[in-house]
Protein backbone atom coordinates (compact mmCIF):
# COMPACT_ATOMS: atom_id res chain seq x y z
CA MET A 1 80.26 103.55 110.30
CA PHE A 2 82.70 100.71 108.54
CA GLY A 3 84.89 101.15 111.49
CA GLU A 4 82.19 100.80 114.43
CA ALA A 5 80.98 97.44 111.87
CA PHE A 6 84.63 96.43 112.05
CA ALA A 7 85.02 96.98 115.97
CA LEU A 8 81.62 94.89 116.38
CA VAL A 9 82.80 92.06 114.65
CA LEU A 10 86.13 92.08 116.43
CA HIS A 11 84.36 92.32 119.42
CA ALA A 12 81.83 89.59 118.64
CA TRP A 13 85.05 87.42 117.95
CA THR A 14 86.64 87.78 121.20
CA GLU A 15 83.71 88.22 123.75
CA PRO A 16 83.21 84.73 125.02
CA GLU A 17 79.82 86.16 127.04
CA THR A 18 76.47 87.05 125.26
CA PHE A 19 76.63 90.99 124.82
CA GLY A 20 74.79 93.88 123.80
CA TRP A 21 75.92 96.87 121.65
CA GLU A 22 74.54 100.76 121.76
CA GLY A 23 77.09 102.41 119.16
CA ARG A 24 76.86 105.62 117.24
CA ASN A 25 75.03 103.38 114.17
CA TYR A 26 74.52 100.13 115.32
CA ARG A 27 72.59 98.83 118.11
CA PHE A 28 71.96 95.16 119.37
CA ARG A 29 70.06 93.46 122.13
CA THR A 30 71.66 90.54 122.17
CA ILE A 31 75.07 88.98 120.16
CA SER A 32 76.53 85.93 120.73
CA ALA A 33 78.72 84.58 118.20
CA PHE A 34 78.73 80.51 117.97
CA PRO A 35 80.69 78.44 117.67
CA ARG A 36 83.94 80.67 118.84
CA PRO A 37 86.78 81.29 116.14
CA VAL A 38 89.34 78.46 116.09
CA GLN A 39 91.90 80.70 115.92
CA GLN A 40 92.56 82.50 119.30
CA PRO A 41 91.96 85.56 119.94
CA HIS A 42 90.54 85.81 116.09
CA PRO A 43 91.02 84.77 112.51
CA PRO A 44 93.87 86.59 110.62
CA ILE A 45 92.05 90.05 109.17
CA VAL A 46 92.88 91.39 105.72
CA SER A 47 91.53 94.58 104.67
CA SER A 48 91.33 95.89 101.41
CA ALA A 49 92.30 99.33 100.42
CA GLN A 50 92.18 101.35 96.84
CA THR A 51 93.36 104.38 98.09
CA ALA A 52 96.09 105.93 101.05
CA GLU A 53 93.44 107.06 103.23
CA ALA A 54 91.73 103.39 103.70
CA ALA A 55 95.44 101.75 103.36
CA THR A 56 96.34 104.44 106.28
CA TRP A 57 93.44 103.17 108.48
CA ILE A 58 94.21 99.50 107.99
CA GLY A 59 97.80 100.27 108.87
CA SER A 60 97.01 102.05 112.06
CA GLU A 61 94.76 99.01 113.11
CA GLY A 62 97.37 96.89 112.64
CA HIS A 63 96.01 94.39 110.04
CA MET A 64 97.25 92.85 107.10
CA LEU A 65 96.97 95.19 103.99
CA GLY A 66 95.02 93.72 100.70
CA ILE A 67 94.68 94.39 97.04
CA PHE A 68 92.80 93.29 94.22
CA ALA A 69 95.17 94.36 91.53
CA PRO A 70 92.55 94.43 88.52
CA THR A 71 90.98 97.32 89.96
CA VAL A 72 94.24 99.08 91.51
CA ALA A 73 97.14 100.23 88.91
CA PRO A 74 100.12 99.36 90.05
CA VAL A 75 101.33 103.05 90.42
CA ARG A 76 98.49 103.42 92.54
CA ALA A 77 98.74 100.07 94.87
CA ALA A 78 102.61 101.19 95.49
CA GLU A 79 101.35 104.51 96.94
CA VAL A 80 98.47 102.46 99.04
CA VAL A 81 101.53 100.23 100.44
CA SER A 82 103.54 103.63 101.29
CA ALA A 83 100.96 104.86 103.31
CA TYR A 84 100.06 101.49 105.05
CA ASN A 85 103.69 101.22 105.94
CA ALA A 86 103.94 104.82 107.33
CA ALA A 87 100.86 104.14 109.19
CA ARG A 88 102.41 100.77 110.68
CA ASP A 89 105.63 102.74 111.27
CA ALA A 90 103.68 105.08 113.10
CA ALA A 91 101.80 103.27 115.37
CA GLY A 92 104.93 101.32 116.53
CA ASN A 93 103.94 98.11 114.99
CA PRO A 94 105.86 97.87 111.43
CA ALA A 95 105.36 95.67 108.94
CA GLY A 96 106.53 93.01 106.89
CA ALA A 97 106.13 92.19 103.16
CA ASP A 98 104.11 89.29 104.19
CA GLU A 99 101.56 91.31 105.65
CA VAL A 100 100.79 92.87 102.14
CA LEU A 101 98.42 90.72 100.30
CA TYR A 102 98.39 91.22 96.37
CA ARG A 103 95.37 89.36 94.70
CA ALA A 104 96.19 89.13 90.84
CA ARG A 105 95.44 86.99 87.97
CA VAL A 106 98.05 84.77 86.12
CA TYR A 107 98.26 82.67 83.48
CA VAL A 108 101.22 80.82 82.37
CA ALA A 109 101.98 78.78 79.08
CA GLU A 110 105.13 76.96 77.53
CA THR A 111 105.79 80.34 75.56
CA ASP A 112 105.32 84.08 75.81
CA ALA A 113 103.69 83.62 72.39
CA GLN A 114 101.31 81.21 73.58
CA ALA A 115 100.60 82.67 76.33
CA LYS A 116 99.88 85.98 74.53
CA ALA A 117 97.68 84.20 71.79
CA ASP A 118 95.96 82.06 74.93
CA VAL A 119 94.84 85.53 76.15
CA ALA A 120 93.41 86.96 72.84
CA GLU A 121 91.88 84.45 72.04
CA HIS A 122 89.83 83.41 75.71
CA ASP A 123 89.34 87.48 76.37
CA ILE A 124 91.39 86.25 79.54
CA GLY A 125 90.98 88.84 82.10
CA ASN A 126 88.60 91.37 80.43
CA MET A 127 86.70 92.26 83.74
CA GLY A 128 83.73 93.98 81.56
CA ARG A 129 82.88 90.51 80.55
CA THR A 130 81.40 89.52 83.63
CA LEU A 131 80.74 93.65 84.50
CA ALA A 132 77.96 93.70 81.74
CA PRO A 133 76.01 91.92 79.34
CA SER A 134 77.64 92.07 76.11
CA GLN A 135 76.41 94.91 74.60
CA GLN A 136 77.57 96.97 77.18
CA ARG A 137 81.32 94.91 77.88
CA ALA A 138 83.35 97.51 75.54
CA LYS A 139 81.82 100.68 77.46
CA ALA A 140 82.23 99.12 81.01
CA ALA A 141 85.87 98.12 80.16
CA ALA A 142 86.65 101.70 78.71
CA SER A 143 84.78 103.16 82.24
CA VAL A 144 87.15 100.56 84.30
CA SER A 145 89.67 101.79 82.40
CA ALA A 146 88.74 105.62 82.96
CA ALA A 147 88.72 105.29 87.00
CA LEU A 148 91.70 103.63 86.94
CA PHE A 149 94.23 105.05 84.89
CA GLY A 150 92.32 108.43 83.52
CA GLY A 151 91.64 109.27 79.87
CA PRO A 152 88.75 109.59 78.29
CA PRO A 153 85.93 106.83 78.94
CA ALA A 154 84.41 106.98 75.59
CA ASP A 155 87.26 105.47 74.04
CA ALA A 156 87.01 101.64 74.30
CA GLY A 157 89.80 100.43 72.57
CA HIS A 158 92.24 102.38 74.09
CA ALA A 159 90.92 101.34 77.20
CA ARG A 160 91.48 97.72 76.57
CA GLU A 161 95.00 98.36 75.95
CA ARG A 162 95.87 100.10 79.03
CA SER A 163 93.62 98.78 81.57
CA ASN A 164 92.65 95.29 83.11
CA SER A 165 91.93 93.23 79.65
CA GLU A 166 94.98 91.17 80.26
CA PRO A 167 96.20 89.25 83.70
CA GLU A 168 98.64 90.90 85.32
CA PHE A 169 101.09 88.21 84.87
CA HIS A 170 101.01 86.31 82.30
CA GLY A 171 103.79 84.56 79.86
CA SER A 172 106.62 82.11 79.95
CA PRO A 173 107.57 80.36 83.19
CA GLU A 174 110.47 82.56 82.76
CA SER A 175 108.77 85.81 81.89
CA VAL A 176 105.89 85.22 84.83
CA ILE A 177 108.94 84.93 87.19
CA ALA A 178 110.29 88.00 86.18
CA GLN A 179 107.25 89.99 85.96
CA ILE A 180 106.80 88.80 89.81
CA ARG A 181 109.67 89.78 90.88
CA GLU A 182 109.41 93.26 89.67
CA SER A 183 105.90 94.05 90.74
CA THR A 184 107.02 93.10 94.71
CA ALA A 185 109.96 95.26 94.12
CA THR A 186 108.09 97.92 92.76
CA ILE A 187 104.61 98.03 95.14
CA GLY A 188 105.76 96.25 98.09
CA TRP A 189 104.10 92.99 98.66
CA GLY A 190 104.93 89.61 99.72
CA PHE A 191 101.75 87.39 99.82
CA LEU A 192 100.45 86.48 96.44
CA ASP A 193 96.73 85.24 96.24
CA ALA A 194 96.70 84.36 92.88
CA ILE A 195 93.65 83.64 90.36
CA PHE A 196 93.61 80.89 87.51
CA THR A 197 90.68 80.77 86.31
CA ALA A 198 88.72 83.24 84.10
CA PRO A 199 85.37 82.81 82.54
CA GLY A 200 86.47 82.45 78.89
CA LEU A 201 89.47 79.98 79.85
CA PRO A 202 89.05 76.18 78.92
CA PHE A 203 89.66 73.95 82.13
CA GLU A 204 92.49 72.52 80.47
CA LYS A 205 94.26 75.71 79.85
CA ALA A 206 93.72 76.98 83.65
CA ARG A 207 95.17 73.37 84.73
CA ARG A 208 98.15 73.42 82.75
CA SER A 209 98.84 77.31 83.62
CA LEU A 210 98.57 75.91 87.23
CA GLU A 211 100.63 73.19 86.59
CA LEU A 212 103.49 75.17 85.04
CA PHE A 213 103.18 77.41 88.02
CA GLY A 214 103.50 75.24 90.78
CA THR A 215 106.60 73.59 88.79
CA GLU A 216 108.36 76.10 87.10
CA VAL A 217 107.56 79.32 88.74
CA LEU A 218 107.06 78.31 92.00
CA PRO A 219 109.95 76.88 92.93
CA GLN A 220 112.23 79.90 91.27
CA LEU A 221 110.47 82.57 93.65
CA THR A 222 110.89 80.50 97.07
CA ARG A 223 114.48 79.97 96.71
């Protein structure tokens, strides 16, 4: 169903005339996409994957790969990228690193100690905070951890220690630079979609993190 829906959207973007669709899963008498996409033949396509199977399909279609870091452990992300690259190679359309997008959380402070304190104080990165009401957050965080990293889902403290309760990249500018470089080398991504906000993070802290990233981190990564 997903593959047919994908094909239908692409056809709607690229077919200039009104058309009908009689597929296995979807049937529409009249389809007309208006206004036409600005990009031709269509906008860039980034499709997310959490498994090697999904990444293989995306690679065979020649689209960009997207990985949402909070839900895909680094080891699994590397496997997903490897499967994607293999599929692109098999299709005769090798992918560059910039065709793998990594959406991850970033928090930069003046020092590692300050970043660690801010992450703890404002609970930056705790997905259970937004996935469930307060009385269920610990259980939700534990379940997410078990799904991503294995282990018993009932151990909430252990889950918080091992899972996505911290931003993927956080610390001083120097530490964040090192973390990003290690991640790109280990996983194989080349396009960072950075998240600088969090539900419990004060605006001034988020703005300062973004400023430090722009002035101290980004120049080093683009050299």
